[in-house]
Amino acid sequence: QVRLLESGGGLVQPGGFLRLSCAASGLNFRLYPMDWSRQTPGKERELVARIISGGTTNNADSVKGRFTISRDNVRNLLFLQMSSLKPEDTGRYYCHTKHREMDFWGQGNQVTVSS
């Protein structure tokens, strides 16, 4: 069974930074693309950043230059380093992968950017 467990969210002031982590188990982690999405009130879930097994990344335009996705294929960890945070980055952040045609999501981690 694939399991994804996020950690690292919280409350931060505008301009601050946070790092989210996602611990993956139940799959050969290094082979699978992984991504971070976020859900904000009143909006559809948005893909924030994606990283494939070889390390190539793609970020949403809204976070380019501020967020960095990375992975540790030895410890089966996915990261999202967020800097220059804005109030509109507030939301619940989810780690995700697709394994054998099934979508797997973590439980989500709240990030609140407010002064």
PDB file of N, CA and C in Angstrom:
ATOM      1  N   GLN A   1       0.847  -1.195   0.000  1.00  0.00           N
ATOM      2  CA  GLN A   1       0.000   0.000   0.000  1.00  0.00           C
ATOM      3  C   GLN A   1       0.878   1.239   0.000  1.00  0.00           C
ATOM      4  N   VAL A   2       0.605   2.135  -0.957  1.00  0.00           N
ATOM      5  CA  VAL A   2       1.356   3.379  -1.026  1.00  0.00           C
ATOM      6  C   VAL A   2       0.872   4.320   0.075  1.00  0.00           C
ATOM      7  N   ARG A   3       1.809   4.897   0.780  1.00  0.00           N
ATOM      8  CA  ARG A   3       1.479   5.880   1.808  1.00  0.00           C
ATOM      9  C   ARG A   3       2.359   7.102   1.634  1.00  0.00           C
ATOM     10  N   LEU A   4       1.716   8.266   1.764  1.00  0.00           N
ATOM     11  CA  LEU A   4       2.416   9.541   1.685  1.00  0.00           C
ATOM     12  C   LEU A   4       2.084  10.338   2.940  1.00  0.00           C
ATOM     13  N   LEU A   5       3.103  10.793   3.638  1.00  0.00           N
ATOM     14  CA  LEU A   5       2.896  11.495   4.899  1.00  0.00           C
ATOM     15  C   LEU A   5       3.642  12.822   4.873  1.00  0.00           C
ATOM     16  N   GLU A   6       2.870  13.920   4.850  1.00  0.00           N
ATOM     17  CA  GLU A   6       3.472  15.246   4.792  1.00  0.00           C
ATOM     18  C   GLU A   6       3.769  15.776   6.193  1.00  0.00           C
ATOM     19  N   SER A   7       4.705  16.700   6.243  1.00  0.00           N
ATOM     20  CA  SER A   7       5.000  17.415   7.486  1.00  0.00           C
ATOM     21  C   SER A   7       5.612  18.765   7.125  1.00  0.00           C
ATOM     22  N   GLY A   8       5.609  19.687   8.101  1.00  0.00           N
ATOM     23  CA  GLY A   8       6.339  20.927   7.921  1.00  0.00           C
ATOM     24  C   GLY A   8       5.517  22.178   7.691  1.00  0.00           C
ATOM     25  N   GLY A   9       4.204  22.090   7.648  1.00  0.00           N
ATOM     26  CA  GLY A   9       3.397  23.289   7.442  1.00  0.00           C
ATOM     27  C   GLY A   9       3.346  24.142   8.691  1.00  0.00           C
ATOM     28  N   GLY A  10       2.555  25.226   8.618  1.00  0.00           N
ATOM     29  CA  GLY A  10       2.404  26.081   9.774  1.00  0.00           C
ATOM     30  C   GLY A  10       2.049  27.495   9.387  1.00  0.00           C
ATOM     31  N   LEU A  11       2.209  28.395  10.354  1.00  0.00           N
ATOM     32  CA  LEU A  11       1.909  29.815  10.168  1.00  0.00           C
ATOM     33  C   LEU A  11       3.210  30.567   9.940  1.00  0.00           C
ATOM     34  N   VAL A  12       3.231  31.419   8.932  1.00  0.00           N
ATOM     35  CA  VAL A  12       4.425  32.194   8.624  1.00  0.00           C
ATOM     36  C   VAL A  12       4.008  33.578   8.150  1.00  0.00           C
ATOM     37  N   GLN A  13       4.852  34.554   8.400  1.00  0.00           N
ATOM     38  CA  GLN A  13       4.565  35.922   7.958  1.00  0.00           C
ATOM     39  C   GLN A  13       4.869  36.082   6.475  1.00  0.00           C
ATOM     40  N   PRO A  14       4.211  37.029   5.824  1.00  0.00           N
ATOM     41  CA  PRO A  14       4.549  37.311   4.416  1.00  0.00           C
ATOM     42  C   PRO A  14       6.041  37.587   4.260  1.00  0.00           C
ATOM     43  N   GLY A  15       6.604  37.025   3.197  1.00  0.00           N
ATOM     44  CA  GLY A  15       8.037  37.150   2.968  1.00  0.00           C
ATOM     45  C   GLY A  15       8.853  36.065   3.616  1.00  0.00           C
ATOM     46  N   GLY A  16       8.225  35.237   4.444  1.00  0.00           N
ATOM     47  CA  GLY A  16       8.928  34.178   5.155  1.00  0.00           C
ATOM     48  C   GLY A  16       9.111  32.935   4.317  1.00  0.00           C
ATOM     49  N   PHE A  17       9.595  31.867   4.986  1.00  0.00           N
ATOM     50  CA  PHE A  17       9.839  30.624   4.269  1.00  0.00           C
ATOM     51  C   PHE A  17       9.415  29.443   5.124  1.00  0.00           C
ATOM     52  N   LEU A  18       9.115  28.344   4.431  1.00  0.00           N
ATOM     53  CA  LEU A  18       8.783  27.074   5.060  1.00  0.00           C
ATOM     54  C   LEU A  18       9.293  25.960   4.165  1.00  0.00           C
ATOM     55  N   ARG A  19       9.540  24.797   4.758  1.00  0.00           N
ATOM     56  CA  ARG A  19       9.861  23.624   3.963  1.00  0.00           C
ATOM     57  C   ARG A  19       8.886  22.505   4.317  1.00  0.00           C
ATOM     58  N   LEU A  20       8.238  21.987   3.289  1.00  0.00           N
ATOM     59  CA  LEU A  20       7.360  20.825   3.456  1.00  0.00           C
ATOM     60  C   LEU A  20       8.130  19.564   3.095  1.00  0.00           C
ATOM     61  N   SER A  21       7.818  18.498   3.804  1.00  0.00           N
ATOM     62  CA  SER A  21       8.408  17.196   3.514  1.00  0.00           C
ATOM     63  C   SER A  21       7.287  16.183   3.307  1.00  0.00           C
ATOM     64  N   CYS A  22       7.588  15.172   2.515  1.00  0.00           N
ATOM     65  CA  CYS A  22       6.636  14.085   2.283  1.00  0.00           C
ATOM     66  C   CYS A  22       7.415  12.778   2.312  1.00  0.00           C
ATOM     67  N   ALA A  23       7.068  11.921   3.249  1.00  0.00           N
ATOM     68  CA  ALA A  23       7.707  10.603   3.351  1.00  0.00           C
ATOM     69  C   ALA A  23       6.851   9.583   2.618  1.00  0.00           C
ATOM     70  N   ALA A  24       7.453   8.897   1.662  1.00  0.00           N
ATOM     71  CA  ALA A  24       6.732   7.932   0.837  1.00  0.00           C
ATOM     72  C   ALA A  24       7.127   6.512   1.203  1.00  0.00           C
ATOM     73  N   SER A  25       6.152   5.604   1.135  1.00  0.00           N
ATOM     74  CA  SER A  25       6.423   4.194   1.353  1.00  0.00           C
ATOM     75  C   SER A  25       5.481   3.371   0.489  1.00  0.00           C
ATOM     76  N   GLY A  26       5.838   2.121   0.270  1.00  0.00           N
ATOM     77  CA  GLY A  26       4.975   1.227  -0.491  1.00  0.00           C
ATOM     78  C   GLY A  26       5.174   1.273  -1.997  1.00  0.00           C
ATOM     79  N   LEU A  27       6.195   1.970  -2.456  1.00  0.00           N
ATOM     80  CA  LEU A  27       6.482   2.017  -3.886  1.00  0.00           C
ATOM     81  C   LEU A  27       7.985   2.195  -4.075  1.00  0.00           C
ATOM     82  N   ASN A  28       8.456   1.882  -5.288  1.00  0.00           N
ATOM     83  CA  ASN A  28       9.861   2.100  -5.618  1.00  0.00           C
ATOM     84  C   ASN A  28      10.017   3.580  -5.937  1.00  0.00           C
ATOM     85  N   PHE A  29      10.184   4.355  -4.908  1.00  0.00           N
ATOM     86  CA  PHE A  29      10.046   5.818  -4.949  1.00  0.00           C
ATOM     87  C   PHE A  29      10.834   6.458  -6.089  1.00  0.00           C
ATOM     88  N   ARG A  30      12.056   6.001  -6.284  1.00  0.00           N
ATOM     89  CA  ARG A  30      12.948   6.687  -7.228  1.00  0.00           C
ATOM     90  C   ARG A  30      12.434   6.628  -8.662  1.00  0.00           C
ATOM     91  N   LEU A  31      11.508   5.731  -8.952  1.00  0.00           N
ATOM     92  CA  LEU A  31      11.027   5.554 -10.324  1.00  0.00           C
ATOM     93  C   LEU A  31       9.850   6.458 -10.676  1.00  0.00           C
ATOM     94  N   TYR A  32       9.234   7.077  -9.683  1.00  0.00           N
ATOM     95  CA  TYR A  32       7.949   7.736  -9.914  1.00  0.00           C
ATOM     96  C   TYR A  32       8.029   9.250  -9.863  1.00  0.00           C
ATOM     97  N   PRO A  33       7.342   9.909 -10.816  1.00  0.00           N
ATOM     98  CA  PRO A  33       7.156  11.350 -10.675  1.00  0.00           C
ATOM     99  C   PRO A  33       6.363  11.641  -9.403  1.00  0.00           C
ATOM    100  N   MET A  34       6.695  12.757  -8.788  1.00  0.00           N
ATOM    101  CA  MET A  34       6.009  13.199  -7.575  1.00  0.00           C
ATOM    102  C   MET A  34       5.629  14.656  -7.743  1.00  0.00           C
ATOM    103  N   ASP A  35       4.586  15.074  -7.075  1.00  0.00           N
ATOM    104  CA  ASP A  35       4.216  16.486  -7.167  1.00  0.00           C
ATOM    105  C   ASP A  35       3.577  16.985  -5.886  1.00  0.00           C
ATOM    106  N   TRP A  36       3.535  18.304  -5.797  1.00  0.00           N
ATOM    107  CA  TRP A  36       2.843  19.021  -4.724  1.00  0.00           C
ATOM    108  C   TRP A  36       1.688  19.800  -5.344  1.00  0.00           C
ATOM    109  N   SER A  37       0.540  19.688  -4.719  1.00  0.00           N
ATOM    110  CA  SER A  37      -0.618  20.492  -5.096  1.00  0.00           C
ATOM    111  C   SER A  37      -1.107  21.233  -3.868  1.00  0.00           C
ATOM    112  N   ARG A  38      -1.936  22.239  -4.092  1.00  0.00           N
ATOM    113  CA  ARG A  38      -2.513  22.947  -2.958  1.00  0.00           C
ATOM    114  C   ARG A  38      -3.981  23.237  -3.217  1.00  0.00           C
ATOM    115  N   GLN A  39      -4.719  23.289  -2.125  1.00  0.00           N
ATOM    116  CA  GLN A  39      -6.145  23.574  -2.158  1.00  0.00           C
ATOM    117  C   GLN A  39      -6.385  24.826  -1.352  1.00  0.00           C
ATOM    118  N   THR A  40      -6.936  25.843  -1.997  1.00  0.00           N
ATOM    119  CA  THR A  40      -7.289  27.060  -1.283  1.00  0.00           C
ATOM    120  C   THR A  40      -8.807  27.201  -1.310  1.00  0.00           C
ATOM    121  N   PRO A  41      -9.383  27.843  -0.283  1.00  0.00           N
ATOM    122  CA  PRO A  41     -10.846  27.949  -0.205  1.00  0.00           C
ATOM    123  C   PRO A  41     -11.434  28.577  -1.459  1.00  0.00           C
ATOM    124  N   GLY A  42     -12.441  27.947  -2.003  1.00  0.00           N
ATOM    125  CA  GLY A  42     -13.151  28.494  -3.152  1.00  0.00           C
ATOM    126  C   GLY A  42     -12.481  28.253  -4.484  1.00  0.00           C
ATOM    127  N   LYS A  43     -11.369  27.537  -4.473  1.00  0.00           N
ATOM    128  CA  LYS A  43     -10.651  27.282  -5.726  1.00  0.00           C
ATOM    129  C   LYS A  43     -10.434  25.791  -5.905  1.00  0.00           C
ATOM    130  N   GLU A  44     -10.210  25.403  -7.157  1.00  0.00           N
ATOM    131  CA  GLU A  44      -9.873  24.018  -7.435  1.00  0.00           C
ATOM    132  C   GLU A  44      -8.440  23.740  -6.985  1.00  0.00           C
ATOM    133  N   ARG A  45      -8.181  22.456  -6.746  1.00  0.00           N
ATOM    134  CA  ARG A  45      -6.826  22.084  -6.361  1.00  0.00           C
ATOM    135  C   ARG A  45      -5.866  22.435  -7.491  1.00  0.00           C
ATOM    136  N   GLU A  46      -4.741  23.042  -7.122  1.00  0.00           N
ATOM    137  CA  GLU A  46      -3.787  23.561  -8.101  1.00  0.00           C
ATOM    138  C   GLU A  46      -2.477  22.790  -8.009  1.00  0.00           C
ATOM    139  N   LEU A  47      -1.949  22.355  -9.157  1.00  0.00           N
ATOM    140  CA  LEU A  47      -0.624  21.742  -9.182  1.00  0.00           C
ATOM    141  C   LEU A  47       0.416  22.826  -8.979  1.00  0.00           C
ATOM    142  N   VAL A  48       1.271  22.650  -7.983  1.00  0.00           N
ATOM    143  CA  VAL A  48       2.254  23.664  -7.632  1.00  0.00           C
ATOM    144  C   VAL A  48       3.610  23.347  -8.244  1.00  0.00           C
ATOM    145  N   ALA A  49       4.052  22.114  -8.108  1.00  0.00           N
ATOM    146  CA  ALA A  49       5.380  21.742  -8.606  1.00  0.00           C
ATOM    147  C   ALA A  49       5.433  20.231  -8.810  1.00  0.00           C
ATOM    148  N   ARG A  50       6.254  19.825  -9.780  1.00  0.00           N
ATOM    149  CA  ARG A  50       6.370  18.413 -10.118  1.00  0.00           C
ATOM    150  C   ARG A  50       7.831  18.074 -10.367  1.00  0.00           C
ATOM    151  N   ILE A  51       8.197  16.856  -9.992  1.00  0.00           N
ATOM    152  CA  ILE A  51       9.564  16.396 -10.232  1.00  0.00           C
ATOM    153  C   ILE A  51       9.501  14.959 -10.720  1.00  0.00           C
ATOM    154  N   ILE A  52      10.215  14.679 -11.821  1.00  0.00           N
ATOM    155  CA  ILE A  52      10.226  13.320 -12.333  1.00  0.00           C
ATOM    156  C   ILE A  52      11.397  12.554 -11.727  1.00  0.00           C
ATOM    157  N   SER A  53      11.479  11.279 -12.055  1.00  0.00           N
ATOM    158  CA  SER A  53      12.465  10.434 -11.403  1.00  0.00           C
ATOM    159  C   SER A  53      13.891  10.907 -11.647  1.00  0.00           C
ATOM    160  N   GLY A  54      14.145  11.479 -12.824  1.00  0.00           N
ATOM    161  CA  GLY A  54      15.491  11.942 -13.137  1.00  0.00           C
ATOM    162  C   GLY A  54      15.849  13.269 -12.505  1.00  0.00           C
ATOM    163  N   GLY A  55      14.858  13.935 -11.912  1.00  0.00           N
ATOM    164  CA  GLY A  55      15.118  15.191 -11.219  1.00  0.00           C
ATOM    165  C   GLY A  55      14.649  16.438 -11.944  1.00  0.00           C
ATOM    166  N   THR A  56      14.185  16.308 -13.178  1.00  0.00           N
ATOM    167  CA  THR A  56      13.652  17.467 -13.889  1.00  0.00           C
ATOM    168  C   THR A  56      12.397  17.967 -13.192  1.00  0.00           C
ATOM    169  N   THR A  57      12.298  19.290 -13.074  1.00  0.00           N
ATOM    170  CA  THR A  57      11.173  19.872 -12.335  1.00  0.00           C
ATOM    171  C   THR A  57      10.375  20.835 -13.198  1.00  0.00           C
ATOM    172  N   ASN A  58       9.130  21.016 -12.791  1.00  0.00           N
ATOM    173  CA  ASN A  58       8.262  22.031 -13.378  1.00  0.00           C
ATOM    174  C   ASN A  58       7.498  22.698 -12.254  1.00  0.00           C
ATOM    175  N   ASN A  59       7.413  24.018 -12.333  1.00  0.00           N
ATOM    176  CA  ASN A  59       6.673  24.773 -11.319  1.00  0.00           C
ATOM    177  C   ASN A  59       5.541  25.547 -11.976  1.00  0.00           C
ATOM    178  N   ALA A  60       4.474  25.749 -11.216  1.00  0.00           N
ATOM    179  CA  ALA A  60       3.408  26.634 -11.668  1.00  0.00           C
ATOM    180  C   ALA A  60       3.947  28.057 -11.778  1.00  0.00           C
ATOM    181  N   ASP A  61       3.390  28.827 -12.706  1.00  0.00           N
ATOM    182  CA  ASP A  61       3.867  30.202 -12.889  1.00  0.00           C
ATOM    183  C   ASP A  61       3.746  31.009 -11.600  1.00  0.00           C
ATOM    184  N   SER A  62       2.738  30.711 -10.814  1.00  0.00           N
ATOM    185  CA  SER A  62       2.479  31.483  -9.594  1.00  0.00           C
ATOM    186  C   SER A  62       3.572  31.311  -8.532  1.00  0.00           C
ATOM    187  N   VAL A  63       4.397  30.264  -8.653  1.00  0.00           N
ATOM    188  CA  VAL A  63       5.421  30.023  -7.636  1.00  0.00           C
ATOM    189  C   VAL A  63       6.835  30.016  -8.201  1.00  0.00           C
ATOM    190  N   LYS A  64       6.983  30.249  -9.485  1.00  0.00           N
ATOM    191  CA  LYS A  64       8.316  30.221 -10.090  1.00  0.00           C
ATOM    192  C   LYS A  64       9.225  31.257  -9.456  1.00  0.00           C
ATOM    193  N   GLY A  65      10.443  30.835  -9.172  1.00  0.00           N
ATOM    194  CA  GLY A  65      11.407  31.713  -8.543  1.00  0.00           C
ATOM    195  C   GLY A  65      11.274  31.772  -7.033  1.00  0.00           C
ATOM    196  N   ARG A  66      10.217  31.166  -6.485  1.00  0.00           N
ATOM    197  CA  ARG A  66      10.006  31.211  -5.037  1.00  0.00           C
ATOM    198  C   ARG A  66       9.972  29.816  -4.399  1.00  0.00           C
ATOM    199  N   PHE A  67       9.449  28.832  -5.115  1.00  0.00           N
ATOM    200  CA  PHE A  67       9.332  27.475  -4.593  1.00  0.00           C
ATOM    201  C   PHE A  67      10.299  26.560  -5.329  1.00  0.00           C
ATOM    202  N   THR A  68      10.851  25.608  -4.602  1.00  0.00           N
ATOM    203  CA  THR A  68      11.741  24.615  -5.192  1.00  0.00           C
ATOM    204  C   THR A  68      11.325  23.233  -4.729  1.00  0.00           C
ATOM    205  N   ILE A  69      11.047  22.351  -5.689  1.00  0.00           N
ATOM    206  CA  ILE A  69      10.732  20.971  -5.369  1.00  0.00           C
ATOM    207  C   ILE A  69      12.000  20.145  -5.529  1.00  0.00           C
ATOM    208  N   SER A  70      12.190  19.195  -4.617  1.00  0.00           N
ATOM    209  CA  SER A  70      13.358  18.317  -4.702  1.00  0.00           C
ATOM    210  C   SER A  70      12.998  16.968  -4.097  1.00  0.00           C
ATOM    211  N   ARG A  71      13.894  15.997  -4.305  1.00  0.00           N
ATOM    212  CA  ARG A  71      13.624  14.665  -3.777  1.00  0.00           C
ATOM    213  C   ARG A  71      14.904  14.009  -3.312  1.00  0.00           C
ATOM    214  N   ASP A  72      14.774  13.112  -2.352  1.00  0.00           N
ATOM    215  CA  ASP A  72      15.875  12.294  -1.861  1.00  0.00           C
ATOM    216  C   ASP A  72      15.487  10.845  -2.120  1.00  0.00           C
ATOM    217  N   ASN A  73      16.057  10.276  -3.171  1.00  0.00           N
ATOM    218  CA  ASN A  73      15.667   8.931  -3.579  1.00  0.00           C
ATOM    219  C   ASN A  73      16.263   7.840  -2.686  1.00  0.00           C
ATOM    220  N   VAL A  74      17.147   8.200  -1.794  1.00  0.00           N
ATOM    221  CA  VAL A  74      17.703   7.233  -0.847  1.00  0.00           C
ATOM    222  C   VAL A  74      16.771   7.096   0.361  1.00  0.00           C
ATOM    223  N   ARG A  75      16.286   8.241   0.841  1.00  0.00           N
ATOM    224  CA  ARG A  75      15.415   8.224   2.026  1.00  0.00           C
ATOM    225  C   ARG A  75      13.933   8.272   1.672  1.00  0.00           C
ATOM    226  N   ASN A  76      13.612   8.235   0.366  1.00  0.00           N
ATOM    227  CA  ASN A  76      12.211   8.260  -0.087  1.00  0.00           C
ATOM    228  C   ASN A  76      11.464   9.488   0.430  1.00  0.00           C
ATOM    229  N   LEU A  77      12.091  10.642   0.233  1.00  0.00           N
ATOM    230  CA  LEU A  77      11.508  11.891   0.704  1.00  0.00           C
ATOM    231  C   LEU A  77      11.334  12.874  -0.442  1.00  0.00           C
ATOM    232  N   LEU A  78      10.244  13.608  -0.381  1.00  0.00           N
ATOM    233  CA  LEU A  78       9.951  14.688  -1.312  1.00  0.00           C
ATOM    234  C   LEU A  78       9.897  15.976  -0.509  1.00  0.00           C
ATOM    235  N   PHE A  79      10.422  17.052  -1.087  1.00  0.00           N
ATOM    236  CA  PHE A  79      10.465  18.335  -0.377  1.00  0.00           C
ATOM    237  C   PHE A  79       9.858  19.444  -1.232  1.00  0.00           C
ATOM    238  N   LEU A  80       9.357  20.469  -0.543  1.00  0.00           N
ATOM    239  CA  LEU A  80       8.979  21.702  -1.202  1.00  0.00           C
ATOM    240  C   LEU A  80       9.509  22.840  -0.349  1.00  0.00           C
ATOM    241  N   GLN A  81      10.539  23.493  -0.865  1.00  0.00           N
ATOM    242  CA  GLN A  81      11.104  24.655  -0.192  1.00  0.00           C
ATOM    243  C   GLN A  81      10.367  25.885  -0.689  1.00  0.00           C
ATOM    244  N   MET A  82       9.727  26.605   0.218  1.00  0.00           N
ATOM    245  CA  MET A  82       8.927  27.770  -0.152  1.00  0.00           C
ATOM    246  C   MET A  82       9.544  29.020   0.466  1.00  0.00           C
ATOM    247  N   SER A  83       9.794  30.022  -0.355  1.00  0.00           N
ATOM    248  CA  SER A  83      10.341  31.275   0.148  1.00  0.00           C
ATOM    249  C   SER A  83       9.536  32.443  -0.415  1.00  0.00           C
ATOM    250  N   SER A  84       9.801  33.636   0.106  1.00  0.00           N
ATOM    251  CA  SER A  84       9.052  34.837  -0.302  1.00  0.00           C
ATOM    252  C   SER A  84       7.559  34.563  -0.302  1.00  0.00           C
ATOM    253  N   LEU A  85       7.085  33.951   0.755  1.00  0.00           N
ATOM    254  CA  LEU A  85       5.688  33.524   0.813  1.00  0.00           C
ATOM    255  C   LEU A  85       4.745  34.712   0.837  1.00  0.00           C
ATOM    256  N   LYS A  86       3.613  34.530   0.171  1.00  0.00           N
ATOM    257  CA  LYS A  86       2.586  35.564   0.053  1.00  0.00           C
ATOM    258  C   LYS A  86       1.289  35.064   0.690  1.00  0.00           C
ATOM    259  N   PRO A  87       0.422  35.961   1.074  1.00  0.00           N
ATOM    260  CA  PRO A  87      -0.868  35.516   1.644  1.00  0.00           C
ATOM    261  C   PRO A  87      -1.636  34.591   0.694  1.00  0.00           C
ATOM    262  N   GLU A  88      -1.510  34.805  -0.597  1.00  0.00           N
ATOM    263  CA  GLU A  88      -2.233  33.952  -1.545  1.00  0.00           C
ATOM    264  C   GLU A  88      -1.645  32.552  -1.657  1.00  0.00           C
ATOM    265  N   ASP A  89      -0.521  32.288  -1.006  1.00  0.00           N
ATOM    266  CA  ASP A  89       0.020  30.936  -0.933  1.00  0.00           C
ATOM    267  C   ASP A  89      -0.656  30.116   0.166  1.00  0.00           C
ATOM    268  N   THR A  90      -1.486  30.755   0.952  1.00  0.00           N
ATOM    269  CA  THR A  90      -2.208  30.054   2.009  1.00  0.00           C
ATOM    270  C   THR A  90      -3.073  28.948   1.429  1.00  0.00           C
ATOM    271  N   GLY A  91      -3.002  27.780   2.043  1.00  0.00           N
ATOM    272  CA  GLY A  91      -3.801  26.661   1.590  1.00  0.00           C
ATOM    273  C   GLY A  91      -3.331  25.366   2.210  1.00  0.00           C
ATOM    274  N   ARG A  92      -3.978  24.302   1.814  1.00  0.00           N
ATOM    275  CA  ARG A  92      -3.581  22.978   2.277  1.00  0.00           C
ATOM    276  C   ARG A  92      -2.771  22.333   1.161  1.00  0.00           C
ATOM    277  N   TYR A  93      -1.588  21.884   1.493  1.00  0.00           N
ATOM    278  CA  TYR A  93      -0.640  21.361   0.513  1.00  0.00           C
ATOM    279  C   TYR A  93      -0.598  19.837   0.586  1.00  0.00           C
ATOM    280  N   TYR A  94      -0.668  19.224  -0.595  1.00  0.00           N
ATOM    281  CA  TYR A  94      -0.745  17.776  -0.690  1.00  0.00           C
ATOM    282  C   TYR A  94       0.398  17.224  -1.528  1.00  0.00           C
ATOM    283  N   CYS A  95       0.961  16.165  -1.046  1.00  0.00           N
ATOM    284  CA  CYS A  95       1.923  15.365  -1.788  1.00  0.00           C
ATOM    285  C   CYS A  95       1.138  14.336  -2.606  1.00  0.00           C
ATOM    286  N   HIS A  96       1.580  14.061  -3.828  1.00  0.00           N
ATOM    287  CA  HIS A  96       0.809  13.172  -4.705  1.00  0.00           C
ATOM    288  C   HIS A  96       1.726  12.381  -5.619  1.00  0.00           C
ATOM    289  N   THR A  97       1.288  11.166  -5.936  1.00  0.00           N
ATOM    290  CA  THR A  97       1.901  10.396  -6.994  1.00  0.00           C
ATOM    291  C   THR A  97       0.857   9.488  -7.621  1.00  0.00           C
ATOM    292  N   LYS A  98       1.196   8.960  -8.780  1.00  0.00           N
ATOM    293  CA  LYS A  98       0.332   8.004  -9.445  1.00  0.00           C
ATOM    294  C   LYS A  98       1.098   6.692  -9.539  1.00  0.00           C
ATOM    295  N   HIS A  99       0.493   5.640  -9.035  1.00  0.00           N
ATOM    296  CA  HIS A  99       1.153   4.337  -8.962  1.00  0.00           C
ATOM    297  C   HIS A  99       0.195   3.290  -9.490  1.00  0.00           C
ATOM    298  N   ARG A 100       0.586   2.586 -10.534  1.00  0.00           N
ATOM    299  CA  ARG A 100      -0.262   1.546 -11.150  1.00  0.00           C
ATOM    300  C   ARG A 100      -1.644   2.110 -11.459  1.00  0.00           C
ATOM    301  N   GLU A 101      -1.658   3.282 -12.106  1.00  0.00           N
ATOM    302  CA  GLU A 101      -2.883   3.940 -12.585  1.00  0.00           C
ATOM    303  C   GLU A 101      -3.779   4.452 -11.468  1.00  0.00           C
ATOM    304  N   MET A 102      -3.300   4.422 -10.231  1.00  0.00           N
ATOM    305  CA  MET A 102      -4.090   4.944  -9.116  1.00  0.00           C
ATOM    306  C   MET A 102      -3.408   6.175  -8.531  1.00  0.00           C
ATOM    307  N   ASP A 103      -4.238   7.142  -8.162  1.00  0.00           N
ATOM    308  CA  ASP A 103      -3.729   8.358  -7.534  1.00  0.00           C
ATOM    309  C   ASP A 103      -3.622   8.148  -6.027  1.00  0.00           C
ATOM    310  N   PHE A 104      -2.491   8.599  -5.472  1.00  0.00           N
ATOM    311  CA  PHE A 104      -2.280   8.538  -4.034  1.00  0.00           C
ATOM    312  C   PHE A 104      -1.945   9.937  -3.532  1.00  0.00           C
ATOM    313  N   TRP A 105      -2.633  10.305  -2.457  1.00  0.00           N
ATOM    314  CA  TRP A 105      -2.452  11.633  -1.866  1.00  0.00           C
ATOM    315  C   TRP A 105      -2.090  11.482  -0.394  1.00  0.00           C
ATOM    316  N   GLY A 106      -1.299  12.417   0.077  1.00  0.00           N
ATOM    317  CA  GLY A 106      -1.078  12.504   1.512  1.00  0.00           C
ATOM    318  C   GLY A 106      -2.283  13.143   2.178  1.00  0.00           C
ATOM    319  N   GLN A 107      -2.192  13.294   3.477  1.00  0.00           N
ATOM    320  CA  GLN A 107      -3.326  13.827   4.244  1.00  0.00           C
ATOM    321  C   GLN A 107      -3.429  15.348   4.128  1.00  0.00           C
ATOM    322  N   GLY A 108      -2.400  15.972   3.612  1.00  0.00           N
ATOM    323  CA  GLY A 108      -2.399  17.426   3.476  1.00  0.00           C
ATOM    324  C   GLY A 108      -1.803  18.099   4.689  1.00  0.00           C
ATOM    325  N   ASN A 109      -1.205  19.260   4.425  1.00  0.00           N
ATOM    326  CA  ASN A 109      -0.589  20.034   5.500  1.00  0.00           C
ATOM    327  C   ASN A 109      -0.921  21.506   5.286  1.00  0.00           C
ATOM    328  N   GLN A 110      -1.433  22.149   6.325  1.00  0.00           N
ATOM    329  CA  GLN A 110      -1.873  23.534   6.196  1.00  0.00           C
ATOM    330  C   GLN A 110      -0.702  24.500   6.232  1.00  0.00           C
ATOM    331  N   VAL A 111      -0.699  25.412   5.290  1.00  0.00           N
ATOM    332  CA  VAL A 111       0.246  26.526   5.263  1.00  0.00           C
ATOM    333  C   VAL A 111      -0.567  27.807   5.303  1.00  0.00           C
ATOM    334  N   THR A 112      -0.296  28.651   6.285  1.00  0.00           N
ATOM    335  CA  THR A 112      -0.997  29.915   6.427  1.00  0.00           C
ATOM    336  C   THR A 112       0.017  31.045   6.421  1.00  0.00           C
ATOM    337  N   VAL A 113      -0.161  31.972   5.478  1.00  0.00           N
ATOM    338  CA  VAL A 113       0.748  33.117   5.367  1.00  0.00           C
ATOM    339  C   VAL A 113      -0.029  34.356   5.788  1.00  0.00           C
ATOM    340  N   SER A 114       0.330  34.892   6.926  1.00  0.00           N
ATOM    341  CA  SER A 114      -0.422  36.017   7.477  1.00  0.00           C
ATOM    342  C   SER A 114       0.443  36.779   8.461  1.00  0.00           C
ATOM    343  N   SER A 115       0.209  38.082   8.516  1.00  0.00           N
ATOM    344  CA  SER A 115       0.911  38.896   9.514  1.00  0.00           C
ATOM    345  C   SER A 115       0.072  39.039  10.772  1.00  0.00           C
TER     346      SER A 115
END
